[in-house]
Amino acid sequence: MNKIGSAKAIRVDSSDNIFFIGGKDGLVKITSAGAESLTVESVDDTCQFNDLEVNSDGSIVLAGH
């Protein structure tokens, strides 16, 4: 995993996977086993993720500016 710095908007899904917004890395997923399995970077340097929600069907909604 990259050095993330600060994390915000931490959520845990029904399978105990952890999702959070981490610095410049954007959305990060850590599996219940502790492995990083997903990183979604911001669209560009002017875009910033601020919040997220993990829905019951597993879909993820991101909010930002």
C-alpha atoms as a PDB file:
ATOM      1  CA  MET A   1       0.000   0.000   0.000  1.00  0.00           C
ATOM      2  CA  ASN A   2       1.177   3.498  -0.757  1.00  0.00           C
ATOM      3  CA  LYS A   3       1.810   5.931   2.057  1.00  0.00           C
ATOM      4  CA  ILE A   4      -1.644   7.432   2.441  1.00  0.00           C
ATOM      5  CA  GLY A   5      -1.336  10.115   5.094  1.00  0.00           C
ATOM      6  CA  SER A   6      -4.691  11.054   6.559  1.00  0.00           C
ATOM      7  CA  ALA A   7      -7.872   9.100   5.924  1.00  0.00           C
ATOM      8  CA  LYS A   8     -11.460  10.285   6.011  1.00  0.00           C
ATOM      9  CA  ALA A   9     -14.958   8.909   5.438  1.00  0.00           C
ATOM     10  CA  ILE A  10     -14.157   5.413   6.708  1.00  0.00           C
ATOM     11  CA  ARG A  11     -16.877   2.807   6.036  1.00  0.00           C
ATOM     12  CA  VAL A  12     -17.103  -0.954   6.640  1.00  0.00           C
ATOM     13  CA  ASP A  13     -19.312  -3.173   4.468  1.00  0.00           C
ATOM     14  CA  SER A  14     -21.222  -6.330   5.439  1.00  0.00           C
ATOM     15  CA  SER A  15     -18.167  -8.479   4.586  1.00  0.00           C
ATOM     16  CA  ASP A  16     -15.897  -6.474   6.934  1.00  0.00           C
ATOM     17  CA  ASN A  17     -14.031  -4.823   4.066  1.00  0.00           C
ATOM     18  CA  ILE A  18     -12.855  -1.300   4.916  1.00  0.00           C
ATOM     19  CA  PHE A  19     -13.275   1.591   2.482  1.00  0.00           C
ATOM     20  CA  PHE A  20     -11.854   5.057   3.013  1.00  0.00           C
ATOM     21  CA  ILE A  21     -10.717   8.172   1.241  1.00  0.00           C
ATOM     22  CA  GLY A  22      -6.975   8.478   1.672  1.00  0.00           C
ATOM     23  CA  GLY A  23      -5.109  11.595   0.669  1.00  0.00           C
ATOM     24  CA  LYS A  24      -4.091  11.694  -2.994  1.00  0.00           C
ATOM     25  CA  ASP A  25      -4.876   7.969  -3.409  1.00  0.00           C
ATOM     26  CA  GLY A  26      -8.627   8.617  -3.548  1.00  0.00           C
ATOM     27  CA  LEU A  27     -10.828   5.648  -2.620  1.00  0.00           C
ATOM     28  CA  VAL A  28      -9.000   2.734  -0.991  1.00  0.00           C
ATOM     29  CA  LYS A  29     -10.393  -0.720  -0.101  1.00  0.00           C
ATOM     30  CA  ILE A  30      -8.759  -2.991   2.451  1.00  0.00           C
ATOM     31  CA  THR A  31     -10.184  -6.520   2.474  1.00  0.00           C
ATOM     32  CA  SER A  32     -11.186  -8.273   5.677  1.00  0.00           C
ATOM     33  CA  ALA A  33      -7.906 -10.217   5.309  1.00  0.00           C
ATOM     34  CA  GLY A  34      -5.934  -6.935   5.375  1.00  0.00           C
ATOM     35  CA  ALA A  35      -4.951  -6.730   1.701  1.00  0.00           C
ATOM     36  CA  GLU A  36      -5.356  -3.612  -0.407  1.00  0.00           C
ATOM     37  CA  SER A  37      -7.587  -4.671  -3.289  1.00  0.00           C
ATOM     38  CA  LEU A  38      -8.881  -1.454  -4.816  1.00  0.00           C
ATOM     39  CA  THR A  39      -7.624   2.065  -5.310  1.00  0.00           C
ATOM     40  CA  VAL A  40      -9.637   4.606  -7.287  1.00  0.00           C
ATOM     41  CA  GLU A  41      -7.682   7.763  -7.920  1.00  0.00           C
ATOM     42  CA  SER A  42      -9.238  11.188  -8.326  1.00  0.00           C
ATOM     43  CA  VAL A  43     -10.011  12.172 -11.903  1.00  0.00           C
ATOM     44  CA  ASP A  44      -7.340  14.888 -11.844  1.00  0.00           C
ATOM     45  CA  ASP A  45      -5.489  17.161  -9.405  1.00  0.00           C
ATOM     46  CA  THR A  46      -8.458  19.528  -9.188  1.00  0.00           C
ATOM     47  CA  CYS A  47     -10.882  16.770  -8.094  1.00  0.00           C
ATOM     48  CA  GLN A  48     -11.156  15.745  -4.447  1.00  0.00           C
ATOM     49  CA  PHE A  49     -13.274  13.003  -2.857  1.00  0.00           C
ATOM     50  CA  ASN A  50     -14.876  14.097   0.422  1.00  0.00           C
ATOM     51  CA  ASP A  51     -17.344  11.383   1.401  1.00  0.00           C
ATOM     52  CA  LEU A  52     -18.474   7.894   0.429  1.00  0.00           C
ATOM     53  CA  GLU A  53     -21.240   5.426   1.064  1.00  0.00           C
ATOM     54  CA  VAL A  54     -21.216   1.647   0.577  1.00  0.00           C
ATOM     55  CA  ASN A  55     -24.699   0.418  -0.342  1.00  0.00           C
ATOM     56  CA  SER A  56     -26.153  -2.941   0.680  1.00  0.00           C
ATOM     57  CA  ASP A  57     -25.683  -4.247  -2.881  1.00  0.00           C
ATOM     58  CA  GLY A  58     -21.931  -3.483  -2.714  1.00  0.00           C
ATOM     59  CA  SER A  59     -22.014  -0.404  -4.916  1.00  0.00           C
ATOM     60  CA  ILE A  60     -20.048   2.636  -3.800  1.00  0.00           C
ATOM     61  CA  VAL A  61     -21.130   6.262  -4.074  1.00  0.00           C
ATOM     62  CA  LEU A  62     -18.480   9.003  -3.936  1.00  0.00           C
ATOM     63  CA  ALA A  63     -19.065  12.701  -3.322  1.00  0.00           C
ATOM     64  CA  GLY A  64     -16.599  15.489  -3.830  1.00  0.00           C
ATOM     65  CA  HIS A  65     -15.714  18.538  -5.815  1.00  0.00           C
END
